[in-house]
Amino acid sequence: MREQYRTKELTAADLAPDPIQQFAAWFKETAANPAIHEPNAMIVSTATPDGRPSSRTVLLKHYDEAGFVFFTNYGSRKGTELAANPYVSLLFPWHPLARQVIVTGRAARTPRAETAAYFRTRPHGSQLGAWASEQSSVISSREELLARYDELATRYPDSEQVPVPPAWGGFRVIPETVEFWQGHENRLHDRLRYVRGDGGEGWSVERLAP
């Protein structure tokens, strides 16, 4: 299986001054494309201190100049791996546009107030689900999971506010590099990567061979 990508050339002159502005421009185009179901879906890759990697798809919930934010159970595999090794990679696979964005950096927990503010925007069922699932732990059956959920639904009906689980919260990925990848014919893709300057000040852009 093979496909020839036919897109417009991407040059350094086309890029915004910093990667967050450039990401915002591409994300806007992606979100407007009906061929892409969840434009904020990203592959989060973490690793243990001895270098054993793991990846999963997570939804981006916020981004700004400070970084890219997602939420999870801190006791999950990614949560425990990030606690021991904060280096992380994010990949946005926007295949219908022949584009990818790859972010590398360090993850830090979001402040509790920020976590609580986001938790309040989640649907009631998703709030209960955050309590019901001890993410990444072994369970005996799906029935066990549903029983936990039903118990919580009885304890916290729709009229009741669900407290924020203490082991649940956000991670902000503070980018060190952000690569914008655009596919071209004959596998001569464009790869332009922003690299944060020394001391965390400013960005430079370099072109990578495809």
Protein backbone atom coordinates (compact mmCIF):
# COMPACT_ATOMS: atom_id res chain seq x y z
CA MET A 1 0.00 0.00 0.00
CA ARG A 2 1.44 3.33 -1.06
CA GLU A 3 0.18 6.82 -1.78
CA GLN A 4 1.73 9.78 -3.55
CA TYR A 5 1.24 12.98 -1.58
CA ARG A 6 0.63 16.12 -3.61
CA THR A 7 0.74 19.24 -1.51
CA LYS A 8 2.14 22.75 -1.63
CA GLU A 9 5.79 23.21 -0.67
CA LEU A 10 6.34 24.26 2.95
CA THR A 11 9.22 26.69 3.49
CA ALA A 12 10.64 28.41 6.55
CA ALA A 13 9.27 31.67 5.17
CA ASP A 14 5.76 30.22 5.38
CA LEU A 15 6.03 29.58 9.11
CA ALA A 16 4.82 31.74 11.96
CA PRO A 17 7.45 33.24 14.31
CA ASP A 18 6.84 30.59 16.96
CA PRO A 19 5.51 27.02 16.90
CA ILE A 20 2.35 27.67 18.90
CA GLN A 21 1.15 30.22 16.33
CA GLN A 22 2.01 27.79 13.54
CA PHE A 23 0.22 24.96 15.34
CA ALA A 24 -2.86 27.16 15.77
CA ALA A 25 -2.95 27.88 12.03
CA TRP A 26 -2.66 24.20 11.07
CA PHE A 27 -5.09 23.13 13.79
CA LYS A 28 -7.71 25.59 12.49
CA GLU A 29 -7.40 24.14 8.98
CA THR A 30 -7.53 20.61 10.34
CA ALA A 31 -10.60 21.22 12.49
CA ALA A 32 -12.43 22.61 9.44
CA ASN A 33 -11.72 19.48 7.37
CA PRO A 34 -14.63 16.99 7.61
CA ALA A 35 -12.31 14.11 6.69
CA ILE A 36 -10.62 14.37 10.09
CA HIS A 37 -12.84 13.02 12.85
CA GLU A 38 -10.97 14.16 15.95
CA PRO A 39 -8.36 16.79 15.09
CA ASN A 40 -7.29 17.01 18.75
CA ALA A 41 -6.44 13.28 18.94
CA MET A 42 -2.73 12.80 19.50
CA ILE A 43 -0.42 9.89 20.21
CA VAL A 44 1.32 10.37 23.55
CA SER A 45 4.57 8.42 23.91
CA THR A 46 6.29 8.00 27.25
CA ALA A 47 9.11 5.79 28.51
CA THR A 48 10.35 4.24 31.71
CA PRO A 49 13.69 5.41 33.15
CA ASP A 50 15.36 2.40 31.49
CA GLY A 51 13.97 3.37 28.08
CA ARG A 52 10.99 1.04 27.59
CA PRO A 53 8.46 3.05 25.54
CA SER A 54 4.68 3.02 25.46
CA SER A 55 2.16 4.93 23.33
CA ARG A 56 -1.55 5.63 23.38
CA THR A 57 -4.06 8.04 21.81
CA VAL A 58 -5.17 10.91 24.05
CA LEU A 59 -7.24 14.03 23.37
CA LEU A 60 -5.57 17.43 23.53
CA LYS A 61 -7.73 19.67 25.72
CA HIS A 62 -5.87 22.98 25.66
CA TYR A 63 -2.80 24.62 24.19
CA ASP A 64 -1.18 28.02 24.56
CA GLU A 65 2.27 29.58 24.79
CA ALA A 66 2.95 27.50 27.92
CA GLY A 67 2.39 24.14 26.20
CA PHE A 68 -0.05 21.35 25.34
CA VAL A 69 -2.43 19.98 27.99
CA PHE A 70 -4.14 16.61 28.40
CA PHE A 71 -5.79 14.91 31.38
CA THR A 72 -5.46 11.41 32.76
CA ASN A 73 -5.34 9.25 35.85
CA TYR A 74 -1.99 9.88 37.53
CA GLY A 75 -1.84 6.20 38.46
CA SER A 76 -2.12 5.08 34.83
CA ARG A 77 0.86 3.74 32.92
CA LYS A 78 1.55 7.10 31.29
CA GLY A 79 1.06 8.87 34.62
CA THR A 80 3.54 6.69 36.47
CA GLU A 81 6.04 6.76 33.60
CA LEU A 82 5.89 10.57 33.46
CA ALA A 83 6.38 10.76 37.22
CA ALA A 84 9.63 8.82 36.83
CA ASN A 85 10.71 10.21 33.44
CA PRO A 86 9.07 13.50 32.37
CA TYR A 87 10.28 13.42 28.77
CA VAL A 88 7.38 12.90 26.35
CA SER A 89 6.50 13.01 22.65
CA LEU A 90 3.19 14.04 21.09
CA LEU A 91 2.21 13.14 17.53
CA PHE A 92 -0.78 14.63 15.69
CA PRO A 93 -1.42 12.31 12.69
CA TRP A 94 -3.49 14.38 10.27
CA HIS A 95 -3.26 11.88 7.41
CA PRO A 96 -6.03 13.25 5.11
CA LEU A 97 -4.06 16.51 4.90
CA ALA A 98 -0.71 14.69 4.53
CA ARG A 99 0.43 16.50 7.65
CA GLN A 100 1.87 15.61 11.02
CA VAL A 101 2.99 17.66 14.00
CA ILE A 102 5.51 16.14 16.42
CA VAL A 103 6.16 17.76 19.80
CA THR A 104 8.93 16.74 22.18
CA GLY A 105 9.42 18.17 25.63
CA ARG A 106 8.89 17.74 29.35
CA ALA A 107 5.57 17.09 31.07
CA ALA A 108 4.55 18.75 34.34
CA ARG A 109 1.33 18.38 36.29
CA THR A 110 -1.17 21.21 35.92
CA PRO A 111 -2.15 23.15 39.06
CA ARG A 112 -5.04 21.60 40.95
CA ALA A 113 -7.28 24.61 40.29
CA GLU A 114 -6.77 24.21 36.53
CA THR A 115 -7.58 20.50 36.78
CA ALA A 116 -10.76 21.20 38.76
CA ALA A 117 -11.89 23.88 36.30
CA TYR A 118 -11.57 21.45 33.39
CA PHE A 119 -13.18 18.58 35.32
CA ARG A 120 -16.31 20.72 35.81
CA THR A 121 -16.70 21.02 32.01
CA ARG A 122 -16.80 17.25 31.50
CA PRO A 123 -20.16 15.50 31.03
CA HIS A 124 -21.54 14.00 34.24
CA GLY A 125 -20.96 10.46 32.96
CA SER A 126 -17.32 11.21 32.15
CA GLN A 127 -16.82 12.60 35.65
CA LEU A 128 -18.16 9.35 37.10
CA GLY A 129 -15.98 7.37 34.70
CA ALA A 130 -12.87 9.08 36.05
CA TRP A 131 -13.73 7.69 39.48
CA ALA A 132 -14.86 4.26 38.27
CA SER A 133 -11.71 3.41 36.30
CA GLU A 134 -8.39 2.80 38.02
CA GLN A 135 -6.75 3.30 34.68
CA SER A 136 -4.20 0.70 33.52
CA SER A 137 -4.89 -1.61 36.48
CA VAL A 138 -5.94 -5.22 35.86
CA ILE A 139 -9.66 -5.92 36.41
CA SER A 140 -11.51 -9.21 36.39
CA SER A 141 -14.24 -8.24 33.92
CA ARG A 142 -16.16 -5.41 32.27
CA GLU A 143 -19.00 -6.19 34.68
CA GLU A 144 -16.73 -5.17 37.56
CA LEU A 145 -16.12 -1.80 35.90
CA LEU A 146 -19.83 -1.25 35.21
CA ALA A 147 -20.71 -2.17 38.78
CA ARG A 148 -18.33 0.51 40.05
CA TYR A 149 -19.91 3.03 37.69
CA ASP A 150 -23.45 2.13 38.77
CA GLU A 151 -22.49 2.51 42.42
CA LEU A 152 -21.08 5.97 41.72
CA ALA A 153 -24.12 6.96 39.65
CA THR A 154 -26.30 6.12 42.64
CA ARG A 155 -24.06 8.09 44.99
CA TYR A 156 -23.81 11.09 42.65
CA PRO A 157 -27.01 11.51 40.59
CA ASP A 158 -27.17 14.19 37.92
CA SER A 159 -28.23 16.76 40.50
CA GLU A 160 -25.11 16.16 42.62
CA GLN A 161 -21.68 17.65 41.98
CA VAL A 162 -19.00 15.01 41.48
CA PRO A 163 -15.76 15.79 43.35
CA VAL A 164 -12.50 15.77 41.42
CA PRO A 165 -10.71 12.44 41.92
CA PRO A 166 -7.46 13.03 43.85
CA ALA A 167 -5.50 10.74 41.50
CA TRP A 168 -6.80 12.42 38.33
CA GLY A 169 -5.47 15.56 36.67
CA GLY A 170 -3.65 17.26 33.86
CA PHE A 171 -0.21 17.26 32.32
CA ARG A 172 1.19 20.21 30.43
CA VAL A 173 3.83 19.31 27.85
CA ILE A 174 6.33 22.17 27.67
CA PRO A 175 7.76 21.92 24.15
CA GLU A 176 11.46 21.82 23.39
CA THR A 177 11.03 20.98 19.69
CA VAL A 178 7.98 21.13 17.40
CA GLU A 179 8.22 19.56 13.95
CA PHE A 180 5.80 20.32 11.12
CA TRP A 181 5.76 17.51 8.55
CA GLN A 182 4.08 17.78 5.16
CA GLY A 183 4.04 14.95 2.65
CA HIS A 184 5.24 15.25 -0.95
CA GLU A 185 5.71 13.10 -4.02
CA ASN A 186 8.55 10.58 -4.12
CA ARG A 187 8.84 10.71 -0.34
CA LEU A 188 10.57 14.12 -0.54
CA HIS A 189 8.57 15.43 2.39
CA ASP A 190 9.00 18.79 4.07
CA ARG A 191 10.12 18.59 7.71
CA LEU A 192 10.60 21.92 9.45
CA ARG A 193 11.43 21.82 13.14
CA TYR A 194 11.36 24.62 15.68
CA VAL A 195 14.03 24.25 18.37
CA ARG A 196 13.84 26.21 21.61
CA GLY A 197 16.89 28.39 22.26
CA ASP A 198 19.34 28.10 25.12
CA GLY A 199 17.79 29.10 28.41
CA GLY A 200 14.31 28.56 26.94
CA GLU A 201 14.41 31.84 25.02
CA GLY A 202 13.34 32.16 21.40
CA TRP A 203 13.05 29.60 18.61
CA SER A 204 15.16 28.65 15.63
CA VAL A 205 13.95 26.65 12.62
CA GLU A 206 15.84 23.86 10.91
CA ARG A 207 14.95 21.71 7.90
CA LEU A 208 15.32 17.93 8.26
CA ALA A 209 15.89 15.45 5.46
CA PRO A 210 12.74 13.34 4.94
